[in-house]
Amino acid sequence: MSQSTVWQKSSFSGGGDSSDCVEVAAAQGVLRLRESDEPDTVIVATGAGLAALIRHLRP
């Protein structure tokens, strides 16, 4: 993963400077997700794959 990856904090993670949040980055046709307190653990998915996962998890 490139050092130039720009991570953005999810708006659903609450406000402030809390370190407990989900971050997302988009590059090279994939989405990357990570938990801020575990930055070396990254989930990589396509947009369609992530959308399918969210649809499956929603009640």
N, C-alpha and C. Protein backbone atom coordinates (compact mmCIF):
# COMPACT_ATOMS: atom_id res chain seq x y z
N MET A 1 0.85 -1.18 0.00
CA MET A 1 0.00 0.00 0.00
C MET A 1 0.89 1.23 0.00
N SER A 2 0.57 2.17 -0.80
CA SER A 2 1.36 3.37 -0.96
C SER A 2 1.28 4.27 0.26
N GLN A 3 2.38 4.94 0.57
CA GLN A 3 2.40 5.90 1.66
C GLN A 3 1.54 7.12 1.34
N SER A 4 1.18 7.32 0.07
CA SER A 4 0.38 8.47 -0.32
C SER A 4 -1.12 8.22 -0.17
N THR A 5 -1.50 7.06 0.37
CA THR A 5 -2.91 6.75 0.58
C THR A 5 -3.50 7.77 1.55
N VAL A 6 -4.61 8.38 1.16
CA VAL A 6 -5.25 9.39 2.00
C VAL A 6 -6.44 8.75 2.70
N TRP A 7 -6.36 8.67 4.02
CA TRP A 7 -7.42 8.06 4.82
C TRP A 7 -8.37 9.14 5.31
N GLN A 8 -9.66 8.83 5.28
CA GLN A 8 -10.68 9.75 5.77
C GLN A 8 -11.48 9.07 6.87
N LYS A 9 -11.75 9.82 7.92
CA LYS A 9 -12.52 9.30 9.04
C LYS A 9 -14.00 9.24 8.66
N SER A 10 -14.63 8.14 9.00
CA SER A 10 -16.06 7.98 8.72
C SER A 10 -16.87 8.98 9.53
N SER A 11 -17.88 9.57 8.92
CA SER A 11 -18.76 10.51 9.63
C SER A 11 -19.61 9.78 10.66
N PHE A 12 -19.72 8.47 10.56
CA PHE A 12 -20.49 7.67 11.52
C PHE A 12 -19.68 7.33 12.76
N SER A 13 -18.42 7.74 12.82
CA SER A 13 -17.56 7.39 13.94
C SER A 13 -17.62 8.41 15.07
N GLY A 14 -18.50 9.36 14.98
CA GLY A 14 -18.59 10.38 16.02
C GLY A 14 -17.68 11.54 15.71
N GLY A 15 -17.76 12.53 16.54
CA GLY A 15 -16.97 13.74 16.30
C GLY A 15 -15.72 13.77 17.14
N GLY A 16 -15.08 14.89 17.08
CA GLY A 16 -13.90 15.09 17.90
C GLY A 16 -12.67 14.40 17.37
N ASP A 17 -11.69 14.31 18.24
CA ASP A 17 -10.41 13.72 17.87
C ASP A 17 -10.26 12.30 18.40
N SER A 18 -11.37 11.64 18.64
CA SER A 18 -11.33 10.28 19.16
C SER A 18 -10.54 9.38 18.22
N SER A 19 -9.76 8.46 18.81
CA SER A 19 -8.98 7.55 17.99
C SER A 19 -9.78 6.29 17.65
N ASP A 20 -10.99 6.16 18.19
CA ASP A 20 -11.84 4.99 17.91
C ASP A 20 -12.75 5.30 16.74
N CYS A 21 -12.27 5.02 15.53
CA CYS A 21 -13.08 5.32 14.36
C CYS A 21 -12.72 4.41 13.20
N VAL A 22 -13.60 4.39 12.24
CA VAL A 22 -13.36 3.67 11.00
C VAL A 22 -12.86 4.68 9.97
N GLU A 23 -11.84 4.28 9.23
CA GLU A 23 -11.29 5.15 8.20
C GLU A 23 -11.40 4.45 6.85
N VAL A 24 -11.54 5.24 5.80
CA VAL A 24 -11.69 4.70 4.46
C VAL A 24 -10.76 5.46 3.50
N ALA A 25 -10.25 4.72 2.52
CA ALA A 25 -9.43 5.32 1.46
C ALA A 25 -9.81 4.65 0.15
N ALA A 26 -9.81 5.42 -0.91
CA ALA A 26 -10.11 4.89 -2.24
C ALA A 26 -8.91 5.16 -3.14
N ALA A 27 -8.43 4.10 -3.79
CA ALA A 27 -7.31 4.25 -4.71
C ALA A 27 -7.22 3.02 -5.60
N GLN A 28 -6.83 3.22 -6.82
CA GLN A 28 -6.58 2.15 -7.78
C GLN A 28 -7.78 1.22 -7.94
N GLY A 29 -8.99 1.78 -7.89
CA GLY A 29 -10.20 1.02 -8.15
C GLY A 29 -10.71 0.18 -6.99
N VAL A 30 -10.13 0.32 -5.81
CA VAL A 30 -10.60 -0.43 -4.64
C VAL A 30 -10.79 0.51 -3.45
N LEU A 31 -11.58 0.03 -2.50
CA LEU A 31 -11.77 0.75 -1.25
C LEU A 31 -10.98 0.04 -0.16
N ARG A 32 -10.40 0.82 0.73
CA ARG A 32 -9.67 0.26 1.85
C ARG A 32 -10.33 0.77 3.13
N LEU A 33 -10.54 -0.15 4.06
CA LEU A 33 -11.15 0.21 5.34
C LEU A 33 -10.23 -0.27 6.45
N ARG A 34 -10.16 0.53 7.51
CA ARG A 34 -9.37 0.13 8.67
C ARG A 34 -9.94 0.76 9.93
N GLU A 35 -9.66 0.14 11.03
CA GLU A 35 -10.01 0.67 12.35
C GLU A 35 -8.83 1.51 12.78
N SER A 36 -9.08 2.71 13.29
CA SER A 36 -7.99 3.62 13.60
C SER A 36 -7.02 3.08 14.64
N ASP A 37 -7.50 2.24 15.56
CA ASP A 37 -6.59 1.71 16.58
C ASP A 37 -5.86 0.45 16.11
N GLU A 38 -6.13 -0.01 14.89
CA GLU A 38 -5.43 -1.14 14.26
C GLU A 38 -5.07 -0.77 12.82
N PRO A 39 -4.25 0.26 12.61
CA PRO A 39 -4.02 0.77 11.26
C PRO A 39 -3.31 -0.19 10.30
N ASP A 40 -2.69 -1.23 10.83
CA ASP A 40 -2.01 -2.18 9.94
C ASP A 40 -2.94 -3.26 9.42
N THR A 41 -4.16 -3.34 9.97
CA THR A 41 -5.15 -4.31 9.51
C THR A 41 -6.11 -3.59 8.57
N VAL A 42 -6.07 -3.94 7.29
CA VAL A 42 -6.84 -3.22 6.27
C VAL A 42 -7.70 -4.22 5.50
N ILE A 43 -8.96 -3.89 5.33
CA ILE A 43 -9.87 -4.67 4.50
C ILE A 43 -9.91 -3.99 3.13
N VAL A 44 -9.71 -4.76 2.07
CA VAL A 44 -9.73 -4.22 0.72
C VAL A 44 -10.91 -4.84 -0.03
N ALA A 45 -11.70 -4.00 -0.68
CA ALA A 45 -12.88 -4.48 -1.41
C ALA A 45 -13.17 -3.56 -2.57
N THR A 46 -13.87 -4.11 -3.55
CA THR A 46 -14.39 -3.26 -4.63
C THR A 46 -15.63 -2.56 -4.09
N GLY A 47 -16.07 -1.54 -4.76
CA GLY A 47 -17.29 -0.85 -4.35
C GLY A 47 -18.49 -1.78 -4.36
N ALA A 48 -18.60 -2.62 -5.39
CA ALA A 48 -19.72 -3.56 -5.49
C ALA A 48 -19.66 -4.60 -4.37
N GLY A 49 -18.46 -5.09 -4.07
CA GLY A 49 -18.30 -6.07 -3.00
C GLY A 49 -18.66 -5.50 -1.64
N LEU A 50 -18.25 -4.28 -1.37
CA LEU A 50 -18.58 -3.64 -0.10
C LEU A 50 -20.07 -3.37 0.00
N ALA A 51 -20.68 -2.93 -1.08
CA ALA A 51 -22.13 -2.69 -1.09
C ALA A 51 -22.89 -3.99 -0.81
N ALA A 52 -22.45 -5.09 -1.40
CA ALA A 52 -23.09 -6.39 -1.15
C ALA A 52 -22.96 -6.80 0.31
N LEU A 53 -21.80 -6.59 0.89
CA LEU A 53 -21.60 -6.91 2.30
C LEU A 53 -22.52 -6.08 3.19
N ILE A 54 -22.62 -4.80 2.93
CA ILE A 54 -23.49 -3.93 3.74
C ILE A 54 -24.94 -4.35 3.59
N ARG A 55 -25.38 -4.66 2.38
CA ARG A 55 -26.76 -5.13 2.18
C ARG A 55 -27.02 -6.41 2.98
N HIS A 56 -26.06 -7.29 3.00
CA HIS A 56 -26.20 -8.56 3.72
C HIS A 56 -26.26 -8.34 5.23
N LEU A 57 -25.51 -7.38 5.74
CA LEU A 57 -25.43 -7.15 7.18
C LEU A 57 -26.59 -6.32 7.73
N ARG A 58 -27.20 -5.52 6.91
CA ARG A 58 -28.31 -4.68 7.38
C ARG A 58 -29.53 -5.54 7.69
N PRO A 59 -30.21 -5.22 8.79
CA PRO A 59 -31.41 -6.00 9.14
C PRO A 59 -32.56 -5.77 8.17
